PDB file of N, CA and C in Angstrom:
ATOM      1  N   MET A   1       1.974  19.590  -1.751  1.00  0.00           N
ATOM      2  CA  MET A   1       1.259  18.998  -0.630  1.00  0.00           C
ATOM      3  C   MET A   1       2.189  18.931   0.571  1.00  0.00           C
ATOM      4  N   HIS A   2       1.711  19.418   1.698  1.00  0.00           N
ATOM      5  CA  HIS A   2       2.497  19.377   2.924  1.00  0.00           C
ATOM      6  C   HIS A   2       2.090  18.146   3.736  1.00  0.00           C
ATOM      7  N   ILE A   3       3.035  17.274   3.985  1.00  0.00           N
ATOM      8  CA  ILE A   3       2.786  16.048   4.737  1.00  0.00           C
ATOM      9  C   ILE A   3       3.401  16.195   6.125  1.00  0.00           C
ATOM     10  N   GLN A   4       2.620  15.873   7.131  1.00  0.00           N
ATOM     11  CA  GLN A   4       3.068  15.951   8.517  1.00  0.00           C
ATOM     12  C   GLN A   4       3.849  14.688   8.898  1.00  0.00           C
ATOM     13  N   HIS A   5       4.988  14.867   9.543  1.00  0.00           N
ATOM     14  CA  HIS A   5       5.811  13.741   9.970  1.00  0.00           C
ATOM     15  C   HIS A   5       5.019  12.778  10.862  1.00  0.00           C
ATOM     16  N   VAL A   6       4.280  13.313  11.803  1.00  0.00           N
ATOM     17  CA  VAL A   6       3.532  12.473  12.740  1.00  0.00           C
ATOM     18  C   VAL A   6       2.513  11.616  12.003  1.00  0.00           C
ATOM     19  N   GLN A   7       1.827  12.179  11.010  1.00  0.00           N
ATOM     20  CA  GLN A   7       0.834  11.421  10.243  1.00  0.00           C
ATOM     21  C   GLN A   7       1.490  10.271   9.481  1.00  0.00           C
ATOM     22  N   VAL A   8       2.643  10.530   8.897  1.00  0.00           N
ATOM     23  CA  VAL A   8       3.337   9.487   8.134  1.00  0.00           C
ATOM     24  C   VAL A   8       3.734   8.338   9.048  1.00  0.00           C
ATOM     25  N   PHE A   9       4.383   8.664  10.150  1.00  0.00           N
ATOM     26  CA  PHE A   9       4.862   7.596  11.022  1.00  0.00           C
ATOM     27  C   PHE A   9       3.710   6.896  11.753  1.00  0.00           C
ATOM     28  N   ALA A  10       2.638   7.594  12.030  1.00  0.00           N
ATOM     29  CA  ALA A  10       1.456   6.962  12.615  1.00  0.00           C
ATOM     30  C   ALA A  10       0.841   5.984  11.609  1.00  0.00           C
ATOM     31  N   ALA A  11       0.797   6.378  10.349  1.00  0.00           N
ATOM     32  CA  ALA A  11       0.256   5.504   9.308  1.00  0.00           C
ATOM     33  C   ALA A  11       1.096   4.238   9.157  1.00  0.00           C
ATOM     34  N   LEU A  12       2.392   4.366   9.319  1.00  0.00           N
ATOM     35  CA  LEU A  12       3.293   3.212   9.172  1.00  0.00           C
ATOM     36  C   LEU A  12       3.340   2.335  10.417  1.00  0.00           C
ATOM     37  N   ALA A  13       2.743   2.775  11.514  1.00  0.00           N
ATOM     38  CA  ALA A  13       2.818   2.059  12.781  1.00  0.00           C
ATOM     39  C   ALA A  13       1.751   0.975  12.922  1.00  0.00           C
ATOM     40  N   ASN A  14       1.092   0.629  11.847  1.00  0.00           N
ATOM     41  CA  ASN A  14       0.048  -0.389  11.859  1.00  0.00           C
ATOM     42  C   ASN A  14       0.420  -1.450  10.836  1.00  0.00           C
ATOM     43  N   GLU A  15       0.361  -2.715  11.243  1.00  0.00           N
ATOM     44  CA  GLU A  15       0.809  -3.793  10.353  1.00  0.00           C
ATOM     45  C   GLU A  15       0.003  -3.879   9.062  1.00  0.00           C
ATOM     46  N   ALA A  16      -1.305  -3.768   9.135  1.00  0.00           N
ATOM     47  CA  ALA A  16      -2.126  -3.858   7.925  1.00  0.00           C
ATOM     48  C   ALA A  16      -1.782  -2.729   6.953  1.00  0.00           C
ATOM     49  N   ARG A  17      -1.619  -1.515   7.480  1.00  0.00           N
ATOM     50  CA  ARG A  17      -1.271  -0.387   6.611  1.00  0.00           C
ATOM     51  C   ARG A  17       0.121  -0.555   6.023  1.00  0.00           C
ATOM     52  N   LEU A  18       1.048  -1.049   6.817  1.00  0.00           N
ATOM     53  CA  LEU A  18       2.408  -1.268   6.323  1.00  0.00           C
ATOM     54  C   LEU A  18       2.429  -2.341   5.238  1.00  0.00           C
ATOM     55  N   ARG A  19       1.657  -3.403   5.422  1.00  0.00           N
ATOM     56  CA  ARG A  19       1.570  -4.458   4.406  1.00  0.00           C
ATOM     57  C   ARG A  19       0.954  -3.909   3.114  1.00  0.00           C
ATOM     58  N   CYS A  20      -0.088  -3.087   3.241  1.00  0.00           N
ATOM     59  CA  CYS A  20      -0.711  -2.470   2.060  1.00  0.00           C
ATOM     60  C   CYS A  20       0.288  -1.573   1.333  1.00  0.00           C
ATOM     61  N   LEU A  21       0.977  -0.740   2.087  1.00  0.00           N
ATOM     62  CA  LEU A  21       1.942   0.175   1.480  1.00  0.00           C
ATOM     63  C   LEU A  21       3.056  -0.595   0.786  1.00  0.00           C
ATOM     64  N   GLN A  22       3.519  -1.659   1.400  1.00  0.00           N
ATOM     65  CA  GLN A  22       4.573  -2.492   0.802  1.00  0.00           C
ATOM     66  C   GLN A  22       4.085  -3.071  -0.528  1.00  0.00           C
ATOM     67  N   LEU A  23       2.853  -3.543  -0.557  1.00  0.00           N
ATOM     68  CA  LEU A  23       2.298  -4.119  -1.784  1.00  0.00           C
ATOM     69  C   LEU A  23       2.220  -3.078  -2.891  1.00  0.00           C
ATOM     70  N   VAL A  24       1.782  -1.892  -2.555  1.00  0.00           N
ATOM     71  CA  VAL A  24       1.690  -0.808  -3.546  1.00  0.00           C
ATOM     72  C   VAL A  24       3.084  -0.388  -4.001  1.00  0.00           C
ATOM     73  N   ALA A  25       3.996  -0.227  -3.059  1.00  0.00           N
ATOM     74  CA  ALA A  25       5.357   0.215  -3.396  1.00  0.00           C
ATOM     75  C   ALA A  25       6.058  -0.777  -4.318  1.00  0.00           C
ATOM     76  N   ARG A  26       5.812  -2.044  -4.134  1.00  0.00           N
ATOM     77  CA  ARG A  26       6.476  -3.063  -4.945  1.00  0.00           C
ATOM     78  C   ARG A  26       5.806  -3.301  -6.301  1.00  0.00           C
ATOM     79  N   ASN A  27       4.520  -2.970  -6.400  1.00  0.00           N
ATOM     80  CA  ASN A  27       3.768  -3.368  -7.595  1.00  0.00           C
ATOM     81  C   ASN A  27       3.105  -2.232  -8.353  1.00  0.00           C
ATOM     82  N   GLY A  28       3.289  -1.016  -7.912  1.00  0.00           N
ATOM     83  CA  GLY A  28       2.627   0.104  -8.578  1.00  0.00           C
ATOM     84  C   GLY A  28       1.175   0.162  -8.175  1.00  0.00           C
ATOM     85  N   GLU A  29       0.319   0.482  -9.081  1.00  0.00           N
ATOM     86  CA  GLU A  29      -1.104   0.615  -8.796  1.00  0.00           C
ATOM     87  C   GLU A  29      -1.727  -0.747  -8.482  1.00  0.00           C
ATOM     88  N   VAL A  30      -2.486  -0.810  -7.386  1.00  0.00           N
ATOM     89  CA  VAL A  30      -3.176  -2.044  -7.010  1.00  0.00           C
ATOM     90  C   VAL A  30      -4.637  -1.743  -6.697  1.00  0.00           C
ATOM     91  N   CYS A  31      -5.457  -2.717  -6.937  1.00  0.00           N
ATOM     92  CA  CYS A  31      -6.889  -2.628  -6.675  1.00  0.00           C
ATOM     93  C   CYS A  31      -7.163  -3.118  -5.250  1.00  0.00           C
ATOM     94  N   VAL A  32      -8.206  -2.593  -4.632  1.00  0.00           N
ATOM     95  CA  VAL A  32      -8.584  -3.045  -3.297  1.00  0.00           C
ATOM     96  C   VAL A  32      -8.786  -4.553  -3.288  1.00  0.00           C
ATOM     97  N   CYS A  33      -9.413  -5.094  -4.309  1.00  0.00           N
ATOM     98  CA  CYS A  33      -9.663  -6.539  -4.357  1.00  0.00           C
ATOM     99  C   CYS A  33      -8.354  -7.332  -4.365  1.00  0.00           C
ATOM    100  N   GLU A  34      -7.317  -6.787  -4.987  1.00  0.00           N
ATOM    101  CA  GLU A  34      -6.008  -7.450  -4.982  1.00  0.00           C
ATOM    102  C   GLU A  34      -5.385  -7.426  -3.591  1.00  0.00           C
ATOM    103  N   VAL A  35      -5.553  -6.328  -2.894  1.00  0.00           N
ATOM    104  CA  VAL A  35      -5.042  -6.221  -1.522  1.00  0.00           C
ATOM    105  C   VAL A  35      -5.743  -7.246  -0.631  1.00  0.00           C
ATOM    106  N   VAL A  36      -7.060  -7.350  -0.769  1.00  0.00           N
ATOM    107  CA  VAL A  36      -7.840  -8.312   0.019  1.00  0.00           C
ATOM    108  C   VAL A  36      -7.298  -9.723  -0.178  1.00  0.00           C
ATOM    109  N   GLU A  37      -7.113 -10.109  -1.418  1.00  0.00           N
ATOM    110  CA  GLU A  37      -6.654 -11.468  -1.722  1.00  0.00           C
ATOM    111  C   GLU A  37      -5.196 -11.701  -1.318  1.00  0.00           C
ATOM    112  N   ALA A  38      -4.328 -10.758  -1.613  1.00  0.00           N
ATOM    113  CA  ALA A  38      -2.901 -10.931  -1.330  1.00  0.00           C
ATOM    114  C   ALA A  38      -2.605 -10.939   0.166  1.00  0.00           C
ATOM    115  N   LEU A  39      -3.311 -10.102   0.920  1.00  0.00           N
ATOM    116  CA  LEU A  39      -3.039  -9.995   2.348  1.00  0.00           C
ATOM    117  C   LEU A  39      -3.935 -10.884   3.196  1.00  0.00           C
ATOM    118  N   GLY A  40      -4.990 -11.434   2.583  1.00  0.00           N
ATOM    119  CA  GLY A  40      -5.899 -12.306   3.320  1.00  0.00           C
ATOM    120  C   GLY A  40      -6.667 -11.557   4.400  1.00  0.00           C
ATOM    121  N   ILE A  41      -7.071 -10.315   4.083  1.00  0.00           N
ATOM    122  CA  ILE A  41      -7.838  -9.508   5.029  1.00  0.00           C
ATOM    123  C   ILE A  41      -9.186  -9.184   4.403  1.00  0.00           C
ATOM    124  N   SER A  42     -10.111  -8.711   5.222  1.00  0.00           N
ATOM    125  CA  SER A  42     -11.442  -8.385   4.713  1.00  0.00           C
ATOM    126  C   SER A  42     -11.398  -7.119   3.858  1.00  0.00           C
ATOM    127  N   GLN A  43     -12.419  -6.953   3.019  1.00  0.00           N
ATOM    128  CA  GLN A  43     -12.492  -5.768   2.177  1.00  0.00           C
ATOM    129  C   GLN A  43     -12.596  -4.499   3.013  1.00  0.00           C
ATOM    130  N   PRO A  44     -13.411  -4.487   4.086  1.00  0.00           N
ATOM    131  CA  PRO A  44     -13.450  -3.267   4.908  1.00  0.00           C
ATOM    132  C   PRO A  44     -12.092  -2.949   5.555  1.00  0.00           C
ATOM    133  N   SER A  45     -11.368  -3.976   5.985  1.00  0.00           N
ATOM    134  CA  SER A  45     -10.045  -3.744   6.581  1.00  0.00           C
ATOM    135  C   SER A  45      -9.072  -3.188   5.555  1.00  0.00           C
ATOM    136  N   ALA A  46      -9.105  -3.735   4.348  1.00  0.00           N
ATOM    137  CA  ALA A  46      -8.221  -3.250   3.285  1.00  0.00           C
ATOM    138  C   ALA A  46      -8.558  -1.806   2.933  1.00  0.00           C
ATOM    139  N   SER A  47      -9.836  -1.513   2.769  1.00  0.00           N
ATOM    140  CA  SER A  47     -10.252  -0.150   2.423  1.00  0.00           C
ATOM    141  C   SER A  47      -9.877   0.838   3.521  1.00  0.00           C
ATOM    142  N   LYS A  48     -10.075   0.449   4.758  1.00  0.00           N
ATOM    143  CA  LYS A  48      -9.730   1.321   5.882  1.00  0.00           C
ATOM    144  C   LYS A  48      -8.223   1.601   5.912  1.00  0.00           C
ATOM    145  N   ALA A  49      -7.412   0.570   5.723  1.00  0.00           N
ATOM    146  CA  ALA A  49      -5.961   0.742   5.730  1.00  0.00           C
ATOM    147  C   ALA A  49      -5.507   1.629   4.570  1.00  0.00           C
ATOM    148  N   LEU A  50      -6.034   1.373   3.383  1.00  0.00           N
ATOM    149  CA  LEU A  50      -5.652   2.163   2.210  1.00  0.00           C
ATOM    150  C   LEU A  50      -6.092   3.622   2.358  1.00  0.00           C
ATOM    151  N   ASN A  51      -7.278   3.838   2.892  1.00  0.00           N
ATOM    152  CA  ASN A  51      -7.755   5.209   3.093  1.00  0.00           C
ATOM    153  C   ASN A  51      -6.926   5.945   4.143  1.00  0.00           C
ATOM    154  N   ALA A  52      -6.463   5.243   5.168  1.00  0.00           N
ATOM    155  CA  ALA A  52      -5.596   5.869   6.171  1.00  0.00           C
ATOM    156  C   ALA A  52      -4.271   6.284   5.542  1.00  0.00           C
ATOM    157  N   LEU A  53      -3.731   5.447   4.663  1.00  0.00           N
ATOM    158  CA  LEU A  53      -2.485   5.786   3.967  1.00  0.00           C
ATOM    159  C   LEU A  53      -2.702   6.969   3.019  1.00  0.00           C
ATOM    160  N   LYS A  54      -3.865   7.015   2.398  1.00  0.00           N
ATOM    161  CA  LYS A  54      -4.195   8.147   1.524  1.00  0.00           C
ATOM    162  C   LYS A  54      -4.331   9.425   2.350  1.00  0.00           C
ATOM    163  N   SER A  55      -5.000   9.346   3.485  1.00  0.00           N
ATOM    164  CA  SER A  55      -5.169  10.519   4.356  1.00  0.00           C
ATOM    165  C   SER A  55      -3.836  11.057   4.860  1.00  0.00           C
ATOM    166  N   ALA A  56      -2.874  10.155   5.041  1.00  0.00           N
ATOM    167  CA  ALA A  56      -1.534  10.568   5.493  1.00  0.00           C
ATOM    168  C   ALA A  56      -0.709  11.144   4.344  1.00  0.00           C
ATOM    169  N   GLY A  57      -1.236  11.085   3.117  1.00  0.00           N
ATOM    170  CA  GLY A  57      -0.532  11.638   1.968  1.00  0.00           C
ATOM    171  C   GLY A  57       0.415  10.673   1.283  1.00  0.00           C
ATOM    172  N   LEU A  58       0.318   9.385   1.631  1.00  0.00           N
ATOM    173  CA  LEU A  58       1.230   8.394   1.061  1.00  0.00           C
ATOM    174  C   LEU A  58       0.698   7.766  -0.227  1.00  0.00           C
ATOM    175  N   LEU A  59      -0.616   7.704  -0.348  1.00  0.00           N
ATOM    176  CA  LEU A  59      -1.229   7.090  -1.530  1.00  0.00           C
ATOM    177  C   LEU A  59      -2.184   8.061  -2.201  1.00  0.00           C
ATOM    178  N   GLN A  60      -2.431   7.791  -3.463  1.00  0.00           N
ATOM    179  CA  GLN A  60      -3.488   8.472  -4.204  1.00  0.00           C
ATOM    180  C   GLN A  60      -4.376   7.379  -4.780  1.00  0.00           C
ATOM    181  N   ASP A  61      -5.601   7.724  -5.075  1.00  0.00           N
ATOM    182  CA  ASP A  61      -6.503   6.716  -5.614  1.00  0.00           C
ATOM    183  C   ASP A  61      -7.198   7.220  -6.860  1.00  0.00           C
ATOM    184  N   ARG A  62      -7.777   6.275  -7.557  1.00  0.00           N
ATOM    185  CA  ARG A  62      -8.630   6.596  -8.697  1.00  0.00           C
ATOM    186  C   ARG A  62      -9.708   5.538  -8.760  1.00  0.00           C
ATOM    187  N   ARG A  63     -10.848   5.936  -9.258  1.00  0.00           N
ATOM    188  CA  ARG A  63     -11.977   5.014  -9.396  1.00  0.00           C
ATOM    189  C   ARG A  63     -12.172   4.681 -10.861  1.00  0.00           C
ATOM    190  N   GLU A  64     -12.518   3.441 -11.088  1.00  0.00           N
ATOM    191  CA  GLU A  64     -12.861   2.972 -12.425  1.00  0.00           C
ATOM    192  C   GLU A  64     -14.089   2.090 -12.256  1.00  0.00           C
ATOM    193  N   ALA A  65     -15.237   2.618 -12.611  1.00  0.00           N
ATOM    194  CA  ALA A  65     -16.524   1.954 -12.364  1.00  0.00           C
ATOM    195  C   ALA A  65     -16.649   1.683 -10.864  1.00  0.00           C
ATOM    196  N   ASN A  66     -16.768   0.422 -10.470  1.00  0.00           N
ATOM    197  CA  ASN A  66     -16.900   0.070  -9.050  1.00  0.00           C
ATOM    198  C   ASN A  66     -15.565  -0.261  -8.393  1.00  0.00           C
ATOM    199  N   TRP A  67     -14.476  -0.094  -9.095  1.00  0.00           N
ATOM    200  CA  TRP A  67     -13.164  -0.487  -8.600  1.00  0.00           C
ATOM    201  C   TRP A  67     -12.388   0.726  -8.111  1.00  0.00           C
ATOM    202  N   SER A  68     -11.650   0.550  -7.031  1.00  0.00           N
ATOM    203  CA  SER A  68     -10.759   1.592  -6.520  1.00  0.00           C
ATOM    204  C   SER A  68      -9.326   1.105  -6.634  1.00  0.00           C
ATOM    205  N   TYR A  69      -8.492   1.933  -7.220  1.00  0.00           N
ATOM    206  CA  TYR A  69      -7.081   1.611  -7.414  1.00  0.00           C
ATOM    207  C   TYR A  69      -6.225   2.598  -6.632  1.00  0.00           C
ATOM    208  N   TYR A  70      -5.162   2.097  -6.036  1.00  0.00           N
ATOM    209  CA  TYR A  70      -4.266   2.934  -5.230  1.00  0.00           C
ATOM    210  C   TYR A  70      -2.846   2.830  -5.761  1.00  0.00           C
ATOM    211  N   ALA A  71      -2.147   3.957  -5.707  1.00  0.00           N
ATOM    212  CA  ALA A  71      -0.738   4.032  -6.104  1.00  0.00           C
ATOM    213  C   ALA A  71      -0.046   4.985  -5.134  1.00  0.00           C
ATOM    214  N   LEU A  72       1.285   4.954  -5.128  1.00  0.00           N
ATOM    215  CA  LEU A  72       2.020   5.912  -4.317  1.00  0.00           C
ATOM    216  C   LEU A  72       1.680   7.321  -4.775  1.00  0.00           C
ATOM    217  N   ALA A  73       1.545   8.217  -3.836  1.00  0.00           N
ATOM    218  CA  ALA A  73       1.219   9.607  -4.159  1.00  0.00           C
ATOM    219  C   ALA A  73       2.347  10.206  -4.995  1.00  0.00           C
ATOM    220  N   SER A  74       1.982  10.886  -6.047  1.00  0.00           N
ATOM    221  CA  SER A  74       2.986  11.460  -6.952  1.00  0.00           C
ATOM    222  C   SER A  74       3.615  12.733  -6.388  1.00  0.00           C
ATOM    223  N   SER A  75       2.973  13.329  -5.401  1.00  0.00           N
ATOM    224  CA  SER A  75       3.463  14.603  -4.888  1.00  0.00           C
ATOM    225  C   SER A  75       4.148  14.478  -3.530  1.00  0.00           C
ATOM    226  N   MET A  76       4.694  13.314  -3.229  1.00  0.00           N
ATOM    227  CA  MET A  76       5.359  13.123  -1.939  1.00  0.00           C
ATOM    228  C   MET A  76       6.682  13.873  -1.872  1.00  0.00           C
ATOM    229  N   PRO A  77       6.981  14.436  -0.712  1.00  0.00           N
ATOM    230  CA  PRO A  77       8.306  15.038  -0.523  1.00  0.00           C
ATOM    231  C   PRO A  77       9.391  13.951  -0.576  1.00  0.00           C
ATOM    232  N   ASP A  78      10.603  14.363  -0.856  1.00  0.00           N
ATOM    233  CA  ASP A  78      11.710  13.409  -0.966  1.00  0.00           C
ATOM    234  C   ASP A  78      11.896  12.591   0.299  1.00  0.00           C
ATOM    235  N   TRP A  79      11.741  13.217   1.470  1.00  0.00           N
ATOM    236  CA  TRP A  79      11.974  12.472   2.709  1.00  0.00           C
ATOM    237  C   TRP A  79      10.970  11.335   2.873  1.00  0.00           C
ATOM    238  N   VAL A  80       9.726  11.517   2.415  1.00  0.00           N
ATOM    239  CA  VAL A  80       8.716  10.469   2.512  1.00  0.00           C
ATOM    240  C   VAL A  80       9.051   9.345   1.527  1.00  0.00           C
ATOM    241  N   SER A  81       9.434   9.707   0.323  1.00  0.00           N
ATOM    242  CA  SER A  81       9.845   8.697  -0.666  1.00  0.00           C
ATOM    243  C   SER A  81      11.012   7.873  -0.144  1.00  0.00           C
ATOM    244  N   ALA A  82      11.950   8.526   0.535  1.00  0.00           N
ATOM    245  CA  ALA A  82      13.115   7.830   1.087  1.00  0.00           C
ATOM    246  C   ALA A  82      12.710   6.867   2.199  1.00  0.00           C
ATOM    247  N   VAL A  83      11.775   7.268   3.050  1.00  0.00           N
ATOM    248  CA  VAL A  83      11.294   6.397   4.126  1.00  0.00           C
ATOM    249  C   VAL A  83      10.608   5.168   3.531  1.00  0.00           C
ATOM    250  N   ILE A  84       9.763   5.381   2.531  1.00  0.00           N
ATOM    251  CA  ILE A  84       9.051   4.265   1.897  1.00  0.00           C
ATOM    252  C   ILE A  84      10.033   3.335   1.196  1.00  0.00           C
ATOM    253  N   ALA A  85      10.984   3.891   0.467  1.00  0.00           N
ATOM    254  CA  ALA A  85      11.969   3.064  -0.238  1.00  0.00           C
ATOM    255  C   ALA A  85      12.812   2.254   0.738  1.00  0.00           C
ATOM    256  N   ALA A  86      13.259   2.876   1.818  1.00  0.00           N
ATOM    257  CA  ALA A  86      14.073   2.164   2.807  1.00  0.00           C
ATOM    258  C   ALA A  86      13.260   1.062   3.483  1.00  0.00           C
ATOM    259  N   SER A  87      12.019   1.360   3.825  1.00  0.00           N
ATOM    260  CA  SER A  87      11.156   0.353   4.440  1.00  0.00           C
ATOM    261  C   SER A  87      10.915  -0.806   3.486  1.00  0.00           C
ATOM    262  N   SER A  88      10.669  -0.491   2.235  1.00  0.00           N
ATOM    263  CA  SER A  88      10.412  -1.521   1.235  1.00  0.00           C
ATOM    264  C   SER A  88      11.622  -2.432   1.049  1.00  0.00           C
ATOM    265  N   ARG A  89      12.802  -1.830   0.997  1.00  0.00           N
ATOM    266  CA  ARG A  89      14.030  -2.639   0.869  1.00  0.00           C
ATOM    267  C   ARG A  89      14.199  -3.561   2.065  1.00  0.00           C
ATOM    268  N   ASP A  90      13.994  -3.046   3.263  1.00  0.00           N
ATOM    269  CA  ASP A  90      14.178  -3.838   4.467  1.00  0.00           C
ATOM    270  C   ASP A  90      13.121  -4.938   4.587  1.00  0.00           C
ATOM    271  N   LEU A  91      11.871  -4.607   4.283  1.00  0.00           N
ATOM    272  CA  LEU A  91      10.784  -5.572   4.418  1.00  0.00           C
ATOM    273  C   LEU A  91      10.788  -6.628   3.319  1.00  0.00           C
ATOM    274  N   ALA A  92      11.495  -6.392   2.247  1.00  0.00           N
ATOM    275  CA  ALA A  92      11.539  -7.333   1.122  1.00  0.00           C
ATOM    276  C   ALA A  92      12.043  -8.708   1.545  1.00  0.00           C
ATOM    277  N   SER A  93      12.807  -8.789   2.628  1.00  0.00           N
ATOM    278  CA  SER A  93      13.334 -10.081   3.072  1.00  0.00           C
ATOM    279  C   SER A  93      12.541 -10.674   4.239  1.00  0.00           C
ATOM    280  N   SER A  94      11.466 -10.014   4.634  1.00  0.00           N
ATOM    281  CA  SER A  94      10.634 -10.504   5.726  1.00  0.00           C
ATOM    282  C   SER A  94       9.701 -11.604   5.220  1.00  0.00           C
ATOM    283  N   PRO A  95       9.643 -12.752   5.903  1.00  0.00           N
ATOM    284  CA  PRO A  95       8.800 -13.866   5.432  1.00  0.00           C
ATOM    285  C   PRO A  95       7.335 -13.479   5.198  1.00  0.00           C
ATOM    286  N   GLY A  96       6.769 -12.680   6.075  1.00  0.00           N
ATOM    287  CA  GLY A  96       5.364 -12.284   5.895  1.00  0.00           C
ATOM    288  C   GLY A  96       5.146 -11.465   4.634  1.00  0.00           C
ATOM    289  N   PHE A  97       6.050 -10.551   4.348  1.00  0.00           N
ATOM    290  CA  PHE A  97       5.924  -9.711   3.155  1.00  0.00           C
ATOM    291  C   PHE A  97       6.239 -10.498   1.885  1.00  0.00           C
ATOM    292  N   ILE A  98       7.150 -11.461   1.997  1.00  0.00           N
ATOM    293  CA  ILE A  98       7.429 -12.335   0.856  1.00  0.00           C
ATOM    294  C   ILE A  98       6.180 -13.140   0.512  1.00  0.00           C
ATOM    295  N   ALA A  99       5.494 -13.655   1.531  1.00  0.00           N
ATOM    296  CA  ALA A  99       4.261 -14.420   1.307  1.00  0.00           C
ATOM    297  C   ALA A  99       3.177 -13.542   0.681  1.00  0.00           C
ATOM    298  N   ASP A 100       3.040 -12.305   1.166  1.00  0.00           N
ATOM    299  CA  ASP A 100       2.066 -11.375   0.568  1.00  0.00           C
ATOM    300  C   ASP A 100       2.352 -11.172  -0.911  1.00  0.00           C
ATOM    301  N   GLN A 101       3.603 -10.953  -1.239  1.00  0.00           N
ATOM    302  CA  GLN A 101       3.992 -10.699  -2.631  1.00  0.00           C
ATOM    303  C   GLN A 101       3.744 -11.925  -3.505  1.00  0.00           C
ATOM    304  N   LYS A 102       4.042 -13.105  -2.995  1.00  0.00           N
ATOM    305  CA  LYS A 102       3.796 -14.334  -3.770  1.00  0.00           C
ATOM    306  C   LYS A 102       2.311 -14.505  -4.051  1.00  0.00           C
ATOM    307  N   ARG A 103       1.471 -14.266  -3.038  1.00  0.00           N
ATOM    308  CA  ARG A 103       0.019 -14.367  -3.250  1.00  0.00           C
ATOM    309  C   ARG A 103      -0.445 -13.329  -4.269  1.00  0.00           C
ATOM    310  N   PHE A 104       0.104 -12.127  -4.185  1.00  0.00           N
ATOM    311  CA  PHE A 104      -0.263 -11.067  -5.120  1.00  0.00           C
ATOM    312  C   PHE A 104       0.079 -11.470  -6.560  1.00  0.00           C
ATOM    313  N   LEU A 105       1.251 -12.000  -6.756  1.00  0.00           N
ATOM    314  CA  LEU A 105       1.685 -12.352  -8.108  1.00  0.00           C
ATOM    315  C   LEU A 105       0.907 -13.528  -8.694  1.00  0.00           C
ATOM    316  N   ARG A 106       0.278 -14.336  -7.839  1.00  0.00           N
ATOM    317  CA  ARG A 106      -0.509 -15.482  -8.318  1.00  0.00           C
ATOM    318  C   ARG A 106      -1.960 -15.134  -8.608  1.00  0.00           C
ATOM    319  N   LEU A 107      -2.362 -13.914  -8.322  1.00  0.00           N
ATOM    320  CA  LEU A 107      -3.772 -13.548  -8.473  1.00  0.00           C
ATOM    321  C   LEU A 107      -4.239 -13.632  -9.912  1.00  0.00           C
ATOM    322  N   ASP A 108      -5.392 -14.247 -10.095  1.00  0.00           N
ATOM    323  CA  ASP A 108      -6.040 -14.274 -11.409  1.00  0.00           C
ATOM    324  C   ASP A 108      -6.586 -12.890 -11.763  1.00  0.00           C
ATOM    325  N   LEU A 109      -6.828 -12.073 -10.726  1.00  0.00           N
ATOM    326  CA  LEU A 109      -7.383 -10.740 -10.934  1.00  0.00           C
ATOM    327  C   LEU A 109      -6.381  -9.778 -11.525  1.00  0.00           C
ATOM    328  N   ARG A 110      -5.092 -10.113 -11.412  1.00  0.00           N
ATOM    329  CA  ARG A 110      -4.028  -9.173 -11.781  1.00  0.00           C
ATOM    330  C   ARG A 110      -4.126  -8.803 -13.242  1.00  0.00           C
ATOM    331  N   ARG A 111      -4.223  -7.496 -13.480  1.00  0.00           N
ATOM    332  CA  ARG A 111      -4.242  -6.984 -14.846  1.00  0.00           C
ATOM    333  C   ARG A 111      -2.855  -7.130 -15.453  1.00  0.00           C
ATOM    334  N   ARG A 112      -2.788  -7.560 -16.668  1.00  0.00           N
ATOM    335  CA  ARG A 112      -1.492  -7.741 -17.338  1.00  0.00           C
ATOM    336  C   ARG A 112      -1.188  -6.534 -18.185  1.00  0.00           C
TER     337      ARG A 112
END
């Protein structure tokens, strides 16, 4: 898969998309409903952000009945993986992202 630099950086230039990507990068596969609850955003906003990240080649999805699950794309070039990893490391100490992660880990919806 060929990923365009401009698409990647455009996708990362939005706070909702960056928060979604951070949640996926830290937790593996996540459901749209988990993103909604952890980030405190509407379902349409979460779906739009996740779909934009998928269109940029950063995420892949799968459907299970009525549920949509997102994970990091398995076919990302090394440079994209490095950008995501570096961003994740840096954002890990940001209060907003820490709060998102705490809410995510407290979810009753979380599959064990």
